[in-house]
Amino acid sequence: MNEKPGYYAIIPANVRYHEKLSDGAKLLYGEITALSNKNGYCWASNDYFSRLYSVSISTIKRRLQALEELGFIKRIVKYKEGTTEVEKRFISITPEVKNEPRWGQNCTGGGIKNEPENNTSINNTTTTLGEPELINFWEKNGFGFISPKNREDLMYWVDDFKKIGSTDEQAVQVVKQAMSNAIDNNVRRYSYVNAILKNWESLRLTSLEAVTAYEAQRTQRQKSKSTSRQASTDVYHNQGDVQDEDLPW
């Protein structure tokens, strides 16, 4: 993959200097803007923020509540159909804050000028709703707590596969399958997942079906090689005077 740009955290003046906000709430707001830069919304859980800042979940809840009551953020909750169980929770920056002069616009005296990566408007940024699915799969299958960099890289892979012809859903499923392959081989590291995806990208495998067919063929080739190698070994062993260390493999 190409080198990826970093993200910025933006805390506008009306948040920075608000007397009713704690320093922790202001910092949390900045983190939300950083997570919102790429995909237009922040899906991170209270548990994520709690571990990130080494504070209790109740502290995170209080900070989010303060930001929402003052109109700086909006929390959107999606419930599982027919139940009151929460399926997803998104956080977005309210339009009033995003329209601050310093939010991704030209500003004097320094600051960020017209940085497209810092535009967090949901209407102006392509969102990838498969992101929570991938992160959830990562953290529930033994890869550990995902780092911000690994999270970004996974989503860039989704973008890369879309560029070569995958739909949103296909790209997410291909990346998810790479993680599944890593699990099957008991190598739960991003570097291994990355190597798999590089190979599939070079072969322009844009769907789960294409990936599955390729992997089945590759497995069959490996089995054929193994069978052929064993047959050759048996021939040598039948000579009676050739040892394993004499074989060329």
C-alpha atoms as a PDB file:
ATOM      1  CA  MET A   1       0.000   0.000   0.000  1.00  0.00           C
ATOM      2  CA  ASN A   2       1.018   3.608  -0.415  1.00  0.00           C
ATOM      3  CA  GLU A   3       2.200   5.585   2.582  1.00  0.00           C
ATOM      4  CA  LYS A   4      -0.812   6.822   4.499  1.00  0.00           C
ATOM      5  CA  PRO A   5      -1.364  10.364   5.800  1.00  0.00           C
ATOM      6  CA  GLY A   6      -1.738  10.964   9.514  1.00  0.00           C
ATOM      7  CA  TYR A   7      -4.803  12.405  11.195  1.00  0.00           C
ATOM      8  CA  TYR A   8      -5.204  15.712  12.986  1.00  0.00           C
ATOM      9  CA  ALA A   9      -7.113  16.426  16.176  1.00  0.00           C
ATOM     10  CA  ILE A  10      -8.918  19.766  16.081  1.00  0.00           C
ATOM     11  CA  ILE A  11     -10.256  21.595  19.128  1.00  0.00           C
ATOM     12  CA  PRO A  12     -11.871  24.900  18.079  1.00  0.00           C
ATOM     13  CA  ALA A  13     -11.784  27.946  20.337  1.00  0.00           C
ATOM     14  CA  ASN A  14     -15.353  27.639  21.598  1.00  0.00           C
ATOM     15  CA  VAL A  15     -14.503  24.148  22.889  1.00  0.00           C
ATOM     16  CA  ARG A  16     -10.994  24.950  24.164  1.00  0.00           C
ATOM     17  CA  TYR A  17     -12.100  27.896  26.283  1.00  0.00           C
ATOM     18  CA  HIS A  18     -15.503  26.696  27.437  1.00  0.00           C
ATOM     19  CA  GLU A  19     -15.714  27.152  31.201  1.00  0.00           C
ATOM     20  CA  LYS A  20     -18.103  24.240  31.723  1.00  0.00           C
ATOM     21  CA  LEU A  21     -15.865  21.667  30.045  1.00  0.00           C
ATOM     22  CA  SER A  22     -13.115  19.838  31.890  1.00  0.00           C
ATOM     23  CA  ASP A  23      -9.698  19.481  30.293  1.00  0.00           C
ATOM     24  CA  GLY A  24     -10.448  15.785  29.869  1.00  0.00           C
ATOM     25  CA  ALA A  25     -13.660  16.525  27.960  1.00  0.00           C
ATOM     26  CA  LYS A  26     -11.808  18.923  25.660  1.00  0.00           C
ATOM     27  CA  LEU A  27      -9.143  16.303  24.972  1.00  0.00           C
ATOM     28  CA  LEU A  28     -11.838  13.707  24.314  1.00  0.00           C
ATOM     29  CA  TYR A  29     -13.446  16.082  21.825  1.00  0.00           C
ATOM     30  CA  GLY A  30     -10.114  16.335  20.008  1.00  0.00           C
ATOM     31  CA  GLU A  31      -9.861  12.547  19.866  1.00  0.00           C
ATOM     32  CA  ILE A  32     -13.353  12.346  18.372  1.00  0.00           C
ATOM     33  CA  THR A  33     -12.369  14.787  15.605  1.00  0.00           C
ATOM     34  CA  ALA A  34      -9.238  12.730  14.884  1.00  0.00           C
ATOM     35  CA  LEU A  35     -11.236   9.508  14.591  1.00  0.00           C
ATOM     36  CA  SER A  36     -13.837  11.283  12.448  1.00  0.00           C
ATOM     37  CA  ASN A  37     -11.382  12.673   9.890  1.00  0.00           C
ATOM     38  CA  LYS A  38     -11.219   9.639   7.626  1.00  0.00           C
ATOM     39  CA  ASN A  39     -14.769   8.306   7.657  1.00  0.00           C
ATOM     40  CA  GLY A  40     -16.955  11.209   8.717  1.00  0.00           C
ATOM     41  CA  TYR A  41     -18.064   9.765  12.041  1.00  0.00           C
ATOM     42  CA  CYS A  42     -16.574   8.287  15.183  1.00  0.00           C
ATOM     43  CA  TRP A  43     -17.668   4.764  16.097  1.00  0.00           C
ATOM     44  CA  ALA A  44     -15.267   4.224  19.026  1.00  0.00           C
ATOM     45  CA  SER A  45     -16.834   2.744  22.152  1.00  0.00           C
ATOM     46  CA  ASN A  46     -16.726   4.067  25.698  1.00  0.00           C
ATOM     47  CA  ASP A  47     -14.479   1.128  26.528  1.00  0.00           C
ATOM     48  CA  TYR A  48     -12.032   2.212  23.812  1.00  0.00           C
ATOM     49  CA  PHE A  49     -11.802   5.756  25.196  1.00  0.00           C
ATOM     50  CA  SER A  50     -11.551   4.396  28.728  1.00  0.00           C
ATOM     51  CA  ARG A  51      -8.526   2.268  27.875  1.00  0.00           C
ATOM     52  CA  LEU A  52      -6.985   4.983  25.705  1.00  0.00           C
ATOM     53  CA  TYR A  53      -6.961   7.561  28.513  1.00  0.00           C
ATOM     54  CA  SER A  54      -6.738   5.154  31.470  1.00  0.00           C
ATOM     55  CA  VAL A  55      -9.920   6.449  33.096  1.00  0.00           C
ATOM     56  CA  SER A  56     -13.162   4.748  34.080  1.00  0.00           C
ATOM     57  CA  ILE A  57     -16.032   4.248  31.646  1.00  0.00           C
ATOM     58  CA  SER A  58     -18.235   6.389  33.895  1.00  0.00           C
ATOM     59  CA  THR A  59     -15.740   9.244  33.466  1.00  0.00           C
ATOM     60  CA  ILE A  60     -15.950   8.893  29.685  1.00  0.00           C
ATOM     61  CA  LYS A  61     -19.751   8.894  29.892  1.00  0.00           C
ATOM     62  CA  ARG A  62     -19.709  12.121  31.898  1.00  0.00           C
ATOM     63  CA  ARG A  63     -17.385  13.794  29.409  1.00  0.00           C
ATOM     64  CA  LEU A  64     -19.495  12.731  26.427  1.00  0.00           C
ATOM     65  CA  GLN A  65     -22.650  13.879  28.168  1.00  0.00           C
ATOM     66  CA  ALA A  66     -21.118  17.289  28.852  1.00  0.00           C
ATOM     67  CA  LEU A  67     -20.046  17.670  25.216  1.00  0.00           C
ATOM     68  CA  GLU A  68     -23.488  16.640  23.977  1.00  0.00           C
ATOM     69  CA  GLU A  69     -25.429  18.851  26.389  1.00  0.00           C
ATOM     70  CA  LEU A  70     -23.378  21.843  25.259  1.00  0.00           C
ATOM     71  CA  GLY A  71     -24.101  21.001  21.624  1.00  0.00           C
ATOM     72  CA  PHE A  72     -20.589  20.079  20.511  1.00  0.00           C
ATOM     73  CA  ILE A  73     -21.298  16.465  19.567  1.00  0.00           C
ATOM     74  CA  LYS A  74     -24.268  14.300  18.690  1.00  0.00           C
ATOM     75  CA  ARG A  75     -24.574  10.637  19.622  1.00  0.00           C
ATOM     76  CA  ILE A  76     -26.556   8.391  17.280  1.00  0.00           C
ATOM     77  CA  VAL A  77     -27.644   5.000  18.575  1.00  0.00           C
ATOM     78  CA  LYS A  78     -28.818   2.180  16.313  1.00  0.00           C
ATOM     79  CA  TYR A  79     -30.768  -0.601  18.014  1.00  0.00           C
ATOM     80  CA  LYS A  80     -31.075  -4.192  16.895  1.00  0.00           C
ATOM     81  CA  GLU A  81     -34.334  -4.629  15.035  1.00  0.00           C
ATOM     82  CA  GLY A  82     -37.263  -5.242  17.342  1.00  0.00           C
ATOM     83  CA  THR A  83     -35.193  -4.871  20.521  1.00  0.00           C
ATOM     84  CA  THR A  84     -33.796  -2.215  22.823  1.00  0.00           C
ATOM     85  CA  GLU A  85     -30.306  -3.716  22.546  1.00  0.00           C
ATOM     86  CA  VAL A  86     -27.738  -1.293  21.143  1.00  0.00           C
ATOM     87  CA  GLU A  87     -26.160  -2.512  17.895  1.00  0.00           C
ATOM     88  CA  LYS A  88     -23.996   0.509  17.036  1.00  0.00           C
ATOM     89  CA  ARG A  89     -23.215   3.915  18.506  1.00  0.00           C
ATOM     90  CA  PHE A  90     -21.833   6.735  16.384  1.00  0.00           C
ATOM     91  CA  ILE A  91     -20.598  10.151  17.429  1.00  0.00           C
ATOM     92  CA  SER A  92     -20.576  13.101  15.050  1.00  0.00           C
ATOM     93  CA  ILE A  93     -19.385  16.667  15.387  1.00  0.00           C
ATOM     94  CA  THR A  94     -22.332  19.062  15.285  1.00  0.00           C
ATOM     95  CA  PRO A  95     -22.595  21.356  12.231  1.00  0.00           C
ATOM     96  CA  GLU A  96     -22.229  24.480  14.360  1.00  0.00           C
ATOM     97  CA  VAL A  97     -18.777  23.369  15.484  1.00  0.00           C
ATOM     98  CA  LYS A  98     -17.738  22.098  12.054  1.00  0.00           C
ATOM     99  CA  ASN A  99     -18.553  25.519  10.586  1.00  0.00           C
ATOM    100  CA  GLU A 100     -16.101  27.245  12.919  1.00  0.00           C
ATOM    101  CA  PRO A 101     -13.651  29.354  10.841  1.00  0.00           C
ATOM    102  CA  ARG A 102     -10.758  27.153  11.965  1.00  0.00           C
ATOM    103  CA  TRP A 103     -12.398  23.899  10.924  1.00  0.00           C
ATOM    104  CA  GLY A 104     -10.518  22.971   7.738  1.00  0.00           C
ATOM    105  CA  GLN A 105     -10.713  26.514   6.346  1.00  0.00           C
ATOM    106  CA  ASN A 106      -8.095  29.137   5.579  1.00  0.00           C
ATOM    107  CA  CYS A 107      -6.952  30.773   8.774  1.00  0.00           C
ATOM    108  CA  THR A 108      -4.391  33.413   9.583  1.00  0.00           C
ATOM    109  CA  GLY A 109      -1.618  33.078  12.101  1.00  0.00           C
ATOM    110  CA  GLY A 110      -0.897  29.400  11.430  1.00  0.00           C
ATOM    111  CA  GLY A 111      -3.097  26.346  11.687  1.00  0.00           C
ATOM    112  CA  ILE A 112      -4.329  23.871   9.118  1.00  0.00           C
ATOM    113  CA  LYS A 113      -5.337  25.258   5.739  1.00  0.00           C
ATOM    114  CA  ASN A 114      -7.741  23.461   3.452  1.00  0.00           C
ATOM    115  CA  GLU A 115      -6.662  19.987   4.529  1.00  0.00           C
ATOM    116  CA  PRO A 116      -9.113  17.555   2.868  1.00  0.00           C
ATOM    117  CA  GLU A 117      -8.211  14.810   5.332  1.00  0.00           C
ATOM    118  CA  ASN A 118      -9.548  17.011   8.151  1.00  0.00           C
ATOM    119  CA  ASN A 119     -13.028  17.415   6.705  1.00  0.00           C
ATOM    120  CA  THR A 120     -15.239  15.390   9.024  1.00  0.00           C
ATOM    121  CA  SER A 121     -18.592  16.223   7.458  1.00  0.00           C
ATOM    122  CA  ILE A 122     -20.624  13.067   6.944  1.00  0.00           C
ATOM    123  CA  ASN A 123     -22.099  14.614   3.793  1.00  0.00           C
ATOM    124  CA  ASN A 124     -18.684  15.362   2.296  1.00  0.00           C
ATOM    125  CA  THR A 125     -16.812  12.173   3.179  1.00  0.00           C
ATOM    126  CA  THR A 126     -17.332   8.639   1.925  1.00  0.00           C
ATOM    127  CA  THR A 127     -18.097   6.498   4.950  1.00  0.00           C
ATOM    128  CA  THR A 128     -17.259   2.837   5.290  1.00  0.00           C
ATOM    129  CA  LEU A 129     -19.818   1.232   7.526  1.00  0.00           C
ATOM    130  CA  GLY A 130     -17.810  -2.005   7.527  1.00  0.00           C
ATOM    131  CA  GLU A 131     -15.231  -0.424   9.807  1.00  0.00           C
ATOM    132  CA  PRO A 132     -16.900  -1.415  13.108  1.00  0.00           C
ATOM    133  CA  GLU A 133     -17.340  -4.941  11.728  1.00  0.00           C
ATOM    134  CA  LEU A 134     -13.627  -5.289  10.966  1.00  0.00           C
ATOM    135  CA  ILE A 135     -12.481  -3.825  14.268  1.00  0.00           C
ATOM    136  CA  ASN A 136     -14.898  -6.020  16.199  1.00  0.00           C
ATOM    137  CA  PHE A 137     -13.655  -9.095  14.300  1.00  0.00           C
ATOM    138  CA  TRP A 138     -10.027  -8.154  15.022  1.00  0.00           C
ATOM    139  CA  GLU A 139     -10.486  -7.649  18.744  1.00  0.00           C
ATOM    140  CA  LYS A 140     -12.712 -10.707  19.295  1.00  0.00           C
ATOM    141  CA  ASN A 141     -10.441 -13.161  17.486  1.00  0.00           C
ATOM    142  CA  GLY A 142      -7.191 -12.934  19.357  1.00  0.00           C
ATOM    143  CA  PHE A 143      -5.403 -10.070  17.588  1.00  0.00           C
ATOM    144  CA  GLY A 144      -5.640  -7.960  20.735  1.00  0.00           C
ATOM    145  CA  PHE A 145      -6.691  -4.355  21.235  1.00  0.00           C
ATOM    146  CA  ILE A 146      -6.288  -2.708  17.841  1.00  0.00           C
ATOM    147  CA  SER A 147      -3.889   0.221  17.597  1.00  0.00           C
ATOM    148  CA  PRO A 148      -4.956   3.412  15.807  1.00  0.00           C
ATOM    149  CA  LYS A 149      -2.391   2.718  13.056  1.00  0.00           C
ATOM    150  CA  ASN A 150      -3.602  -0.829  12.413  1.00  0.00           C
ATOM    151  CA  ARG A 151      -7.177   0.430  12.379  1.00  0.00           C
ATOM    152  CA  GLU A 152      -6.277   3.049   9.784  1.00  0.00           C
ATOM    153  CA  ASP A 153      -4.332   0.539   7.680  1.00  0.00           C
ATOM    154  CA  LEU A 154      -7.228  -1.919   7.570  1.00  0.00           C
ATOM    155  CA  MET A 155      -9.541   0.809   6.326  1.00  0.00           C
ATOM    156  CA  TYR A 156      -7.005   1.912   3.737  1.00  0.00           C
ATOM    157  CA  TRP A 157      -6.973  -1.661   2.474  1.00  0.00           C
ATOM    158  CA  VAL A 158     -10.742  -1.416   2.062  1.00  0.00           C
ATOM    159  CA  ASP A 159     -10.184   1.718  -0.022  1.00  0.00           C
ATOM    160  CA  ASP A 160      -7.424   0.044  -2.045  1.00  0.00           C
ATOM    161  CA  PHE A 161      -9.637  -2.896  -3.012  1.00  0.00           C
ATOM    162  CA  LYS A 162     -12.449  -0.538  -3.952  1.00  0.00           C
ATOM    163  CA  LYS A 163     -10.014   1.208  -6.295  1.00  0.00           C
ATOM    164  CA  ILE A 164      -9.432  -2.037  -8.206  1.00  0.00           C
ATOM    165  CA  GLY A 165     -13.124  -2.849  -8.548  1.00  0.00           C
ATOM    166  CA  SER A 166     -14.549  -4.134  -5.252  1.00  0.00           C
ATOM    167  CA  THR A 167     -17.827  -2.839  -3.896  1.00  0.00           C
ATOM    168  CA  ASP A 168     -17.884  -1.561  -0.305  1.00  0.00           C
ATOM    169  CA  GLU A 169     -19.181  -4.903   0.936  1.00  0.00           C
ATOM    170  CA  GLN A 170     -16.758  -6.948  -1.160  1.00  0.00           C
ATOM    171  CA  ALA A 171     -13.770  -4.926   0.041  1.00  0.00           C
ATOM    172  CA  VAL A 172     -14.735  -5.374   3.689  1.00  0.00           C
ATOM    173  CA  GLN A 173     -15.239  -9.121   3.228  1.00  0.00           C
ATOM    174  CA  VAL A 174     -11.864  -9.518   1.488  1.00  0.00           C
ATOM    175  CA  VAL A 175     -10.057  -7.766   4.347  1.00  0.00           C
ATOM    176  CA  LYS A 176     -12.002  -9.830   6.869  1.00  0.00           C
ATOM    177  CA  GLN A 177     -11.050 -13.034   5.030  1.00  0.00           C
ATOM    178  CA  ALA A 178      -7.372 -12.089   5.236  1.00  0.00           C
ATOM    179  CA  MET A 179      -7.760 -11.915   9.012  1.00  0.00           C
ATOM    180  CA  SER A 180      -9.520 -15.297   8.964  1.00  0.00           C
ATOM    181  CA  ASN A 181      -6.597 -16.804   7.045  1.00  0.00           C
ATOM    182  CA  ALA A 182      -4.194 -15.406   9.621  1.00  0.00           C
ATOM    183  CA  ILE A 183      -6.286 -17.011  12.373  1.00  0.00           C
ATOM    184  CA  ASP A 184      -6.324 -20.360  10.535  1.00  0.00           C
ATOM    185  CA  ASN A 185      -2.525 -20.251  10.351  1.00  0.00           C
ATOM    186  CA  ASN A 186      -2.275 -19.090  13.983  1.00  0.00           C
ATOM    187  CA  VAL A 187      -0.363 -15.947  12.997  1.00  0.00           C
ATOM    188  CA  ARG A 188      -2.407 -13.135  14.506  1.00  0.00           C
ATOM    189  CA  ARG A 189      -0.271 -10.195  13.408  1.00  0.00           C
ATOM    190  CA  TYR A 190      -1.047  -7.260  11.168  1.00  0.00           C
ATOM    191  CA  SER A 191       2.127  -7.849   9.130  1.00  0.00           C
ATOM    192  CA  TYR A 192       0.801 -11.295   8.139  1.00  0.00           C
ATOM    193  CA  VAL A 193      -2.627  -9.917   7.214  1.00  0.00           C
ATOM    194  CA  ASN A 194      -0.898  -7.164   5.249  1.00  0.00           C
ATOM    195  CA  ALA A 195       1.173  -9.695   3.267  1.00  0.00           C
ATOM    196  CA  ILE A 196      -1.958 -11.669   2.355  1.00  0.00           C
ATOM    197  CA  LEU A 197      -3.744  -8.543   1.175  1.00  0.00           C
ATOM    198  CA  LYS A 198      -0.751  -7.407  -0.879  1.00  0.00           C
ATOM    199  CA  ASN A 199      -0.797 -10.735  -2.710  1.00  0.00           C
ATOM    200  CA  TRP A 200      -4.541 -10.609  -3.357  1.00  0.00           C
ATOM    201  CA  GLU A 201      -4.336  -7.000  -4.505  1.00  0.00           C
ATOM    202  CA  SER A 202      -1.539  -7.834  -6.968  1.00  0.00           C
ATOM    203  CA  LEU A 203      -3.744 -10.620  -8.374  1.00  0.00           C
ATOM    204  CA  ARG A 204      -6.733  -8.219  -8.478  1.00  0.00           C
ATOM    205  CA  LEU A 205      -8.948 -10.508  -6.427  1.00  0.00           C
ATOM    206  CA  THR A 206     -11.849  -8.167  -5.769  1.00  0.00           C
ATOM    207  CA  SER A 207     -14.407 -10.425  -4.084  1.00  0.00           C
ATOM    208  CA  LEU A 208     -14.660 -13.119  -1.446  1.00  0.00           C
ATOM    209  CA  GLU A 209     -15.575 -15.623  -4.170  1.00  0.00           C
ATOM    210  CA  ALA A 210     -12.415 -14.820  -6.135  1.00  0.00           C
ATOM    211  CA  VAL A 211     -10.279 -15.073  -3.006  1.00  0.00           C
ATOM    212  CA  THR A 212     -11.848 -18.390  -1.996  1.00  0.00           C
ATOM    213  CA  ALA A 213     -11.302 -19.875  -5.470  1.00  0.00           C
ATOM    214  CA  TYR A 214      -7.679 -18.721  -5.548  1.00  0.00           C
ATOM    215  CA  GLU A 215      -6.915 -20.079  -2.070  1.00  0.00           C
ATOM    216  CA  ALA A 216      -8.514 -23.434  -2.942  1.00  0.00           C
ATOM    217  CA  GLN A 217      -6.325 -23.718  -6.044  1.00  0.00           C
ATOM    218  CA  ARG A 218      -3.236 -22.715  -4.080  1.00  0.00           C
ATOM    219  CA  THR A 219      -3.956 -25.333  -1.414  1.00  0.00           C
ATOM    220  CA  GLN A 220      -4.422 -27.993  -4.089  1.00  0.00           C
ATOM    221  CA  ARG A 221      -1.099 -27.070  -5.704  1.00  0.00           C
ATOM    222  CA  GLN A 222       0.647 -27.326  -2.350  1.00  0.00           C
ATOM    223  CA  LYS A 223      -0.863 -30.764  -1.747  1.00  0.00           C
ATOM    224  CA  SER A 224       0.248 -31.913  -5.204  1.00  0.00           C
ATOM    225  CA  LYS A 225       3.789 -30.712  -4.554  1.00  0.00           C
ATOM    226  CA  SER A 226       3.830 -32.461  -1.195  1.00  0.00           C
ATOM    227  CA  THR A 227       2.628 -35.737  -2.738  1.00  0.00           C
ATOM    228  CA  SER A 228       5.186 -35.494  -5.536  1.00  0.00           C
ATOM    229  CA  ARG A 229       7.973 -34.754  -3.077  1.00  0.00           C
ATOM    230  CA  GLN A 230       7.020 -37.723  -0.896  1.00  0.00           C
ATOM    231  CA  ALA A 231       6.997 -40.044  -3.914  1.00  0.00           C
ATOM    232  CA  SER A 232      10.483 -38.880  -4.924  1.00  0.00           C
ATOM    233  CA  THR A 233      11.719 -39.358  -1.381  1.00  0.00           C
ATOM    234  CA  ASP A 234      10.389 -42.927  -1.341  1.00  0.00           C
ATOM    235  CA  VAL A 235      12.281 -43.717  -4.543  1.00  0.00           C
ATOM    236  CA  TYR A 236      15.534 -42.533  -2.996  1.00  0.00           C
ATOM    237  CA  HIS A 237      14.861 -44.376   0.235  1.00  0.00           C
ATOM    238  CA  ASN A 238      14.314 -47.575  -1.728  1.00  0.00           C
ATOM    239  CA  GLN A 239      17.927 -47.348  -2.905  1.00  0.00           C
ATOM    240  CA  GLY A 240      18.911 -48.277   0.636  1.00  0.00           C
ATOM    241  CA  ASP A 241      22.115 -46.222   0.827  1.00  0.00           C
ATOM    242  CA  VAL A 242      20.753 -42.655   0.704  1.00  0.00           C
ATOM    243  CA  GLN A 243      20.142 -40.769   3.973  1.00  0.00           C
ATOM    244  CA  ASP A 244      17.690 -37.926   4.579  1.00  0.00           C
ATOM    245  CA  GLU A 245      20.547 -35.435   4.830  1.00  0.00           C
ATOM    246  CA  ASP A 246      21.613 -36.353   1.292  1.00  0.00           C
ATOM    247  CA  LEU A 247      18.282 -35.293  -0.220  1.00  0.00           C
ATOM    248  CA  PRO A 248      18.191 -31.922  -2.023  1.00  0.00           C
ATOM    249  CA  TRP A 249      15.277 -30.511   0.030  1.00  0.00           C
END
